Amino acid sequence: MRSQTIDKFTVDKVPEWICKHTTIQGRPFSFKDHEYQERILSDTSTEIVVPKPSQVGLTEASIRMAVAL
């Protein structure tokens, strides 16, 4: 698995990996209507601070990022 992904995906490509390799309700995951999450997930900073109103999907996005990494 490592040889298949290590050269194709870097940390800044996490959103692309998430869309290609995860699903939601049996369909490929999409950032449609949550486009701001792509920018957050592709940030290569060691620390990210995001003001979070409720129910914007950042918990799920963080879990998908952990799986991608």
PDB file of N, CA and C in Angstrom:
ATOM      1  N   MET A   1       0.837  -1.182   0.000  1.00  0.00           N
ATOM      2  CA  MET A   1       0.000   0.000   0.000  1.00  0.00           C
ATOM      3  C   MET A   1       0.884   1.249   0.000  1.00  0.00           C
ATOM      4  N   ARG A   2       1.951   1.232   0.785  1.00  0.00           N
ATOM      5  CA  ARG A   2       2.825   2.402   0.846  1.00  0.00           C
ATOM      6  C   ARG A   2       3.389   2.725  -0.532  1.00  0.00           C
ATOM      7  N   SER A   3       3.855   1.718  -1.263  1.00  0.00           N
ATOM      8  CA  SER A   3       4.454   1.966  -2.570  1.00  0.00           C
ATOM      9  C   SER A   3       3.448   2.552  -3.560  1.00  0.00           C
ATOM     10  N   GLN A   4       2.176   2.276  -3.348  1.00  0.00           N
ATOM     11  CA  GLN A   4       1.144   2.798  -4.236  1.00  0.00           C
ATOM     12  C   GLN A   4       0.802   4.253  -3.943  1.00  0.00           C
ATOM     13  N   THR A   5       1.050   4.720  -2.740  1.00  0.00           N
ATOM     14  CA  THR A   5       0.618   6.078  -2.383  1.00  0.00           C
ATOM     15  C   THR A   5       1.750   7.040  -2.081  1.00  0.00           C
ATOM     16  N   ILE A   6       2.884   6.571  -1.626  1.00  0.00           N
ATOM     17  CA  ILE A   6       3.934   7.463  -1.119  1.00  0.00           C
ATOM     18  C   ILE A   6       4.419   8.452  -2.179  1.00  0.00           C
ATOM     19  N   ASP A   7       4.507   8.032  -3.435  1.00  0.00           N
ATOM     20  CA  ASP A   7       4.989   8.934  -4.472  1.00  0.00           C
ATOM     21  C   ASP A   7       3.886   9.757  -5.114  1.00  0.00           C
ATOM     22  N   LYS A   8       2.647   9.395  -4.881  1.00  0.00           N
ATOM     23  CA  LYS A   8       1.528  10.078  -5.531  1.00  0.00           C
ATOM     24  C   LYS A   8       0.894  11.156  -4.670  1.00  0.00           C
ATOM     25  N   PHE A   9       0.937  10.989  -3.358  1.00  0.00           N
ATOM     26  CA  PHE A   9       0.245  11.915  -2.480  1.00  0.00           C
ATOM     27  C   PHE A   9       1.198  12.490  -1.445  1.00  0.00           C
ATOM     28  N   THR A  10       1.159  13.802  -1.298  1.00  0.00           N
ATOM     29  CA  THR A  10       1.905  14.496  -0.263  1.00  0.00           C
ATOM     30  C   THR A  10       0.884  15.139   0.666  1.00  0.00           C
ATOM     31  N   VAL A  11       1.346  15.701   1.751  1.00  0.00           N
ATOM     32  CA  VAL A  11       0.433  16.275   2.740  1.00  0.00           C
ATOM     33  C   VAL A  11      -0.509  17.300   2.114  1.00  0.00           C
ATOM     34  N   ASP A  12      -0.022  18.103   1.185  1.00  0.00           N
ATOM     35  CA  ASP A  12      -0.895  19.109   0.571  1.00  0.00           C
ATOM     36  C   ASP A  12      -1.930  18.506  -0.383  1.00  0.00           C
ATOM     37  N   LYS A  13      -1.826  17.214  -0.655  1.00  0.00           N
ATOM     38  CA  LYS A  13      -2.777  16.517  -1.530  1.00  0.00           C
ATOM     39  C   LYS A  13      -3.802  15.697  -0.742  1.00  0.00           C
ATOM     40  N   VAL A  14      -3.875  15.894   0.567  1.00  0.00           N
ATOM     41  CA  VAL A  14      -4.813  15.149   1.405  1.00  0.00           C
ATOM     42  C   VAL A  14      -6.249  15.249   0.887  1.00  0.00           C
ATOM     43  N   PRO A  15      -6.750  16.429   0.520  1.00  0.00           N
ATOM     44  CA  PRO A  15      -8.139  16.492   0.023  1.00  0.00           C
ATOM     45  C   PRO A  15      -8.359  15.605  -1.211  1.00  0.00           C
ATOM     46  N   GLU A  16      -7.395  15.575  -2.102  1.00  0.00           N
ATOM     47  CA  GLU A  16      -7.498  14.728  -3.289  1.00  0.00           C
ATOM     48  C   GLU A  16      -7.544  13.252  -2.887  1.00  0.00           C
ATOM     49  N   TRP A  17      -6.690  12.859  -1.949  1.00  0.00           N
ATOM     50  CA  TRP A  17      -6.673  11.469  -1.469  1.00  0.00           C
ATOM     51  C   TRP A  17      -8.015  11.099  -0.843  1.00  0.00           C
ATOM     52  N   ILE A  18      -8.543  11.996  -0.034  1.00  0.00           N
ATOM     53  CA  ILE A  18      -9.825  11.751   0.631  1.00  0.00           C
ATOM     54  C   ILE A  18     -10.924  11.506  -0.407  1.00  0.00           C
ATOM     55  N   CYS A  19     -10.972  12.325  -1.443  1.00  0.00           N
ATOM     56  CA  CYS A  19     -12.007  12.163  -2.472  1.00  0.00           C
ATOM     57  C   CYS A  19     -11.837  10.856  -3.250  1.00  0.00           C
ATOM     58  N   LYS A  20     -10.602  10.435  -3.462  1.00  0.00           N
ATOM     59  CA  LYS A  20     -10.355   9.226  -4.239  1.00  0.00           C
ATOM     60  C   LYS A  20     -10.531   7.941  -3.433  1.00  0.00           C
ATOM     61  N   HIS A  21     -10.330   8.012  -2.109  1.00  0.00           N
ATOM     62  CA  HIS A  21     -10.248   6.780  -1.333  1.00  0.00           C
ATOM     63  C   HIS A  21     -11.249   6.651  -0.189  1.00  0.00           C
ATOM     64  N   THR A  22     -12.152   7.615  -0.028  1.00  0.00           N
ATOM     65  CA  THR A  22     -13.161   7.479   1.025  1.00  0.00           C
ATOM     66  C   THR A  22     -14.546   7.701   0.435  1.00  0.00           C
ATOM     67  N   THR A  23     -15.535   7.190   1.146  1.00  0.00           N
ATOM     68  CA  THR A  23     -16.912   7.302   0.670  1.00  0.00           C
ATOM     69  C   THR A  23     -17.808   7.836   1.782  1.00  0.00           C
ATOM     70  N   ILE A  24     -18.983   8.260   1.377  1.00  0.00           N
ATOM     71  CA  ILE A  24     -20.016   8.659   2.320  1.00  0.00           C
ATOM     72  C   ILE A  24     -21.334   8.110   1.772  1.00  0.00           C
ATOM     73  N   GLN A  25     -21.983   7.300   2.550  1.00  0.00           N
ATOM     74  CA  GLN A  25     -23.219   6.628   2.147  1.00  0.00           C
ATOM     75  C   GLN A  25     -23.036   5.876   0.830  1.00  0.00           C
ATOM     76  N   GLY A  26     -21.877   5.227   0.680  1.00  0.00           N
ATOM     77  CA  GLY A  26     -21.599   4.399  -0.487  1.00  0.00           C
ATOM     78  C   GLY A  26     -21.144   5.144  -1.727  1.00  0.00           C
ATOM     79  N   ARG A  27     -21.103   6.468  -1.676  1.00  0.00           N
ATOM     80  CA  ARG A  27     -20.665   7.275  -2.821  1.00  0.00           C
ATOM     81  C   ARG A  27     -19.317   7.915  -2.496  1.00  0.00           C
ATOM     82  N   PRO A  28     -18.515   8.202  -3.524  1.00  0.00           N
ATOM     83  CA  PRO A  28     -17.233   8.870  -3.271  1.00  0.00           C
ATOM     84  C   PRO A  28     -17.446  10.172  -2.497  1.00  0.00           C
ATOM     85  N   PHE A  29     -16.588  10.423  -1.524  1.00  0.00           N
ATOM     86  CA  PHE A  29     -16.677  11.647  -0.733  1.00  0.00           C
ATOM     87  C   PHE A  29     -16.436  12.848  -1.632  1.00  0.00           C
ATOM     88  N   SER A  30     -17.133  13.944  -1.351  1.00  0.00           N
ATOM     89  CA  SER A  30     -16.986  15.183  -2.103  1.00  0.00           C
ATOM     90  C   SER A  30     -17.002  16.362  -1.133  1.00  0.00           C
ATOM     91  N   PHE A  31     -16.303  17.412  -1.499  1.00  0.00           N
ATOM     92  CA  PHE A  31     -16.306  18.631  -0.693  1.00  0.00           C
ATOM     93  C   PHE A  31     -17.392  19.608  -1.153  1.00  0.00           C
ATOM     94  N   LYS A  32     -18.313  19.139  -1.988  1.00  0.00           N
ATOM     95  CA  LYS A  32     -19.389  19.997  -2.473  1.00  0.00           C
ATOM     96  C   LYS A  32     -20.145  20.592  -1.279  1.00  0.00           C
ATOM     97  N   ASP A  33     -20.322  21.876  -1.315  1.00  0.00           N
ATOM     98  CA  ASP A  33     -20.970  22.672  -0.271  1.00  0.00           C
ATOM     99  C   ASP A  33     -20.120  22.798   0.999  1.00  0.00           C
ATOM    100  N   HIS A  34     -18.935  22.227   0.989  1.00  0.00           N
ATOM    101  CA  HIS A  34     -17.979  22.376   2.095  1.00  0.00           C
ATOM    102  C   HIS A  34     -16.583  22.628   1.532  1.00  0.00           C
ATOM    103  N   GLU A  35     -16.502  23.446   0.507  1.00  0.00           N
ATOM    104  CA  GLU A  35     -15.250  23.685  -0.195  1.00  0.00           C
ATOM    105  C   GLU A  35     -14.160  24.255   0.719  1.00  0.00           C
ATOM    106  N   TYR A  36     -14.550  24.983   1.745  1.00  0.00           N
ATOM    107  CA  TYR A  36     -13.591  25.567   2.678  1.00  0.00           C
ATOM    108  C   TYR A  36     -12.760  24.484   3.366  1.00  0.00           C
ATOM    109  N   GLN A  37     -13.316  23.273   3.504  1.00  0.00           N
ATOM    110  CA  GLN A  37     -12.583  22.189   4.164  1.00  0.00           C
ATOM    111  C   GLN A  37     -11.334  21.805   3.375  1.00  0.00           C
ATOM    112  N   GLU A  38     -11.386  21.897   2.059  1.00  0.00           N
ATOM    113  CA  GLU A  38     -10.218  21.563   1.235  1.00  0.00           C
ATOM    114  C   GLU A  38      -9.029  22.430   1.607  1.00  0.00           C
ATOM    115  N   ARG A  39      -9.275  23.710   1.776  1.00  0.00           N
ATOM    116  CA  ARG A  39      -8.187  24.642   2.109  1.00  0.00           C
ATOM    117  C   ARG A  39      -7.601  24.317   3.478  1.00  0.00           C
ATOM    118  N   ILE A  40      -8.452  23.992   4.427  1.00  0.00           N
ATOM    119  CA  ILE A  40      -7.994  23.639   5.773  1.00  0.00           C
ATOM    120  C   ILE A  40      -7.164  22.359   5.717  1.00  0.00           C
ATOM    121  N   LEU A  41      -7.668  21.337   5.012  1.00  0.00           N
ATOM    122  CA  LEU A  41      -6.996  20.044   4.976  1.00  0.00           C
ATOM    123  C   LEU A  41      -5.714  20.049   4.149  1.00  0.00           C
ATOM    124  N   SER A  42      -5.561  20.969   3.221  1.00  0.00           N
ATOM    125  CA  SER A  42      -4.344  21.017   2.417  1.00  0.00           C
ATOM    126  C   SER A  42      -3.277  21.926   3.030  1.00  0.00           C
ATOM    127  N   ASP A  43      -3.593  22.563   4.128  1.00  0.00           N
ATOM    128  CA  ASP A  43      -2.628  23.426   4.824  1.00  0.00           C
ATOM    129  C   ASP A  43      -1.518  22.567   5.414  1.00  0.00           C
ATOM    130  N   THR A  44      -0.274  22.902   5.126  1.00  0.00           N
ATOM    131  CA  THR A  44       0.856  22.106   5.601  1.00  0.00           C
ATOM    132  C   THR A  44       1.472  22.664   6.888  1.00  0.00           C
ATOM    133  N   SER A  45       0.809  23.614   7.505  1.00  0.00           N
ATOM    134  CA  SER A  45       1.317  24.166   8.768  1.00  0.00           C
ATOM    135  C   SER A  45       1.319  23.081   9.843  1.00  0.00           C
ATOM    136  N   THR A  46       2.205  23.233  10.828  1.00  0.00           N
ATOM    137  CA  THR A  46       2.255  22.260  11.917  1.00  0.00           C
ATOM    138  C   THR A  46       1.120  22.472  12.904  1.00  0.00           C
ATOM    139  N   GLU A  47       0.538  23.650  12.902  1.00  0.00           N
ATOM    140  CA  GLU A  47      -0.582  23.953  13.783  1.00  0.00           C
ATOM    141  C   GLU A  47      -1.611  24.763  13.012  1.00  0.00           C
ATOM    142  N   ILE A  48      -2.872  24.370  13.099  1.00  0.00           N
ATOM    143  CA  ILE A  48      -3.938  25.058  12.384  1.00  0.00           C
ATOM    144  C   ILE A  48      -5.007  25.450  13.394  1.00  0.00           C
ATOM    145  N   VAL A  49      -5.416  26.714  13.367  1.00  0.00           N
ATOM    146  CA  VAL A  49      -6.470  27.194  14.248  1.00  0.00           C
ATOM    147  C   VAL A  49      -7.643  27.604  13.368  1.00  0.00           C
ATOM    148  N   VAL A  50      -8.812  27.033  13.661  1.00  0.00           N
ATOM    149  CA  VAL A  50      -9.999  27.314  12.863  1.00  0.00           C
ATOM    150  C   VAL A  50     -11.132  27.700  13.800  1.00  0.00           C
ATOM    151  N   PRO A  51     -11.692  28.925  13.655  1.00  0.00           N
ATOM    152  CA  PRO A  51     -12.881  29.246  14.432  1.00  0.00           C
ATOM    153  C   PRO A  51     -14.011  28.340  13.923  1.00  0.00           C
ATOM    154  N   LYS A  52     -14.656  27.632  14.813  1.00  0.00           N
ATOM    155  CA  LYS A  52     -15.602  26.601  14.391  1.00  0.00           C
ATOM    156  C   LYS A  52     -16.997  26.837  14.935  1.00  0.00           C
ATOM    157  N   PRO A  53     -17.910  27.290  14.067  1.00  0.00           N
ATOM    158  CA  PRO A  53     -19.300  27.277  14.476  1.00  0.00           C
ATOM    159  C   PRO A  53     -19.766  25.820  14.481  1.00  0.00           C
ATOM    160  N   SER A  54     -20.874  25.543  15.083  1.00  0.00           N
ATOM    161  CA  SER A  54     -21.326  24.148  15.169  1.00  0.00           C
ATOM    162  C   SER A  54     -21.744  23.603  13.804  1.00  0.00           C
ATOM    163  N   GLN A  55     -21.627  22.297  13.676  1.00  0.00           N
ATOM    164  CA  GLN A  55     -22.117  21.546  12.524  1.00  0.00           C
ATOM    165  C   GLN A  55     -21.568  22.006  11.176  1.00  0.00           C
ATOM    166  N   VAL A  56     -20.271  22.169  11.083  1.00  0.00           N
ATOM    167  CA  VAL A  56     -19.680  22.520   9.793  1.00  0.00           C
ATOM    168  C   VAL A  56     -18.866  21.372   9.205  1.00  0.00           C
ATOM    169  N   GLY A  57     -18.812  20.234   9.896  1.00  0.00           N
ATOM    170  CA  GLY A  57     -18.164  19.055   9.356  1.00  0.00           C
ATOM    171  C   GLY A  57     -16.683  18.927   9.612  1.00  0.00           C
ATOM    172  N   LEU A  58     -16.119  19.768  10.478  1.00  0.00           N
ATOM    173  CA  LEU A  58     -14.680  19.697  10.707  1.00  0.00           C
ATOM    174  C   LEU A  58     -14.255  18.459  11.476  1.00  0.00           C
ATOM    175  N   THR A  59     -15.114  17.917  12.315  1.00  0.00           N
ATOM    176  CA  THR A  59     -14.772  16.684  13.014  1.00  0.00           C
ATOM    177  C   THR A  59     -14.609  15.556  12.009  1.00  0.00           C
ATOM    178  N   GLU A  60     -15.564  15.414  11.114  1.00  0.00           N
ATOM    179  CA  GLU A  60     -15.459  14.373  10.082  1.00  0.00           C
ATOM    180  C   GLU A  60     -14.266  14.625   9.184  1.00  0.00           C
ATOM    181  N   ALA A  61     -14.032  15.871   8.795  1.00  0.00           N
ATOM    182  CA  ALA A  61     -12.880  16.199   7.947  1.00  0.00           C
ATOM    183  C   ALA A  61     -11.578  15.836   8.659  1.00  0.00           C
ATOM    184  N   SER A  62     -11.495  16.081   9.949  1.00  0.00           N
ATOM    185  CA  SER A  62     -10.289  15.750  10.710  1.00  0.00           C
ATOM    186  C   SER A  62     -10.065  14.245  10.761  1.00  0.00           C
ATOM    187  N   ILE A  63     -11.120  13.490  10.909  1.00  0.00           N
ATOM    188  CA  ILE A  63     -11.011  12.031  10.922  1.00  0.00           C
ATOM    189  C   ILE A  63     -10.549  11.533   9.552  1.00  0.00           C
ATOM    190  N   ARG A  64     -11.116  12.065   8.497  1.00  0.00           N
ATOM    191  CA  ARG A  64     -10.689  11.668   7.153  1.00  0.00           C
ATOM    192  C   ARG A  64      -9.228  12.047   6.917  1.00  0.00           C
ATOM    193  N   MET A  65      -8.800  13.186   7.448  1.00  0.00           N
ATOM    194  CA  MET A  65      -7.402  13.590   7.313  1.00  0.00           C
ATOM    195  C   MET A  65      -6.494  12.607   8.046  1.00  0.00           C
ATOM    196  N   ALA A  66      -6.890  12.193   9.244  1.00  0.00           N
ATOM    197  CA  ALA A  66      -6.095  11.210   9.997  1.00  0.00           C
ATOM    198  C   ALA A  66      -5.957   9.913   9.213  1.00  0.00           C
ATOM    199  N   VAL A  67      -7.035   9.473   8.584  1.00  0.00           N
ATOM    200  CA  VAL A  67      -6.978   8.248   7.762  1.00  0.00           C
ATOM    201  C   VAL A  67      -6.036   8.456   6.585  1.00  0.00           C
ATOM    202  N   ALA A  68      -6.105   9.614   5.962  1.00  0.00           N
ATOM    203  CA  ALA A  68      -5.259   9.898   4.800  1.00  0.00           C
ATOM    204  C   ALA A  68      -3.782   9.925   5.177  1.00  0.00           C
ATOM    205  N   LEU A  69      -3.499  10.502   6.340  1.00  0.00           N
ATOM    206  CA  LEU A  69      -2.091  10.599   6.740  1.00  0.00           C
ATOM    207  C   LEU A  69      -1.571   9.269   7.224  1.00  0.00           C
TER     208      LEU A  69
END
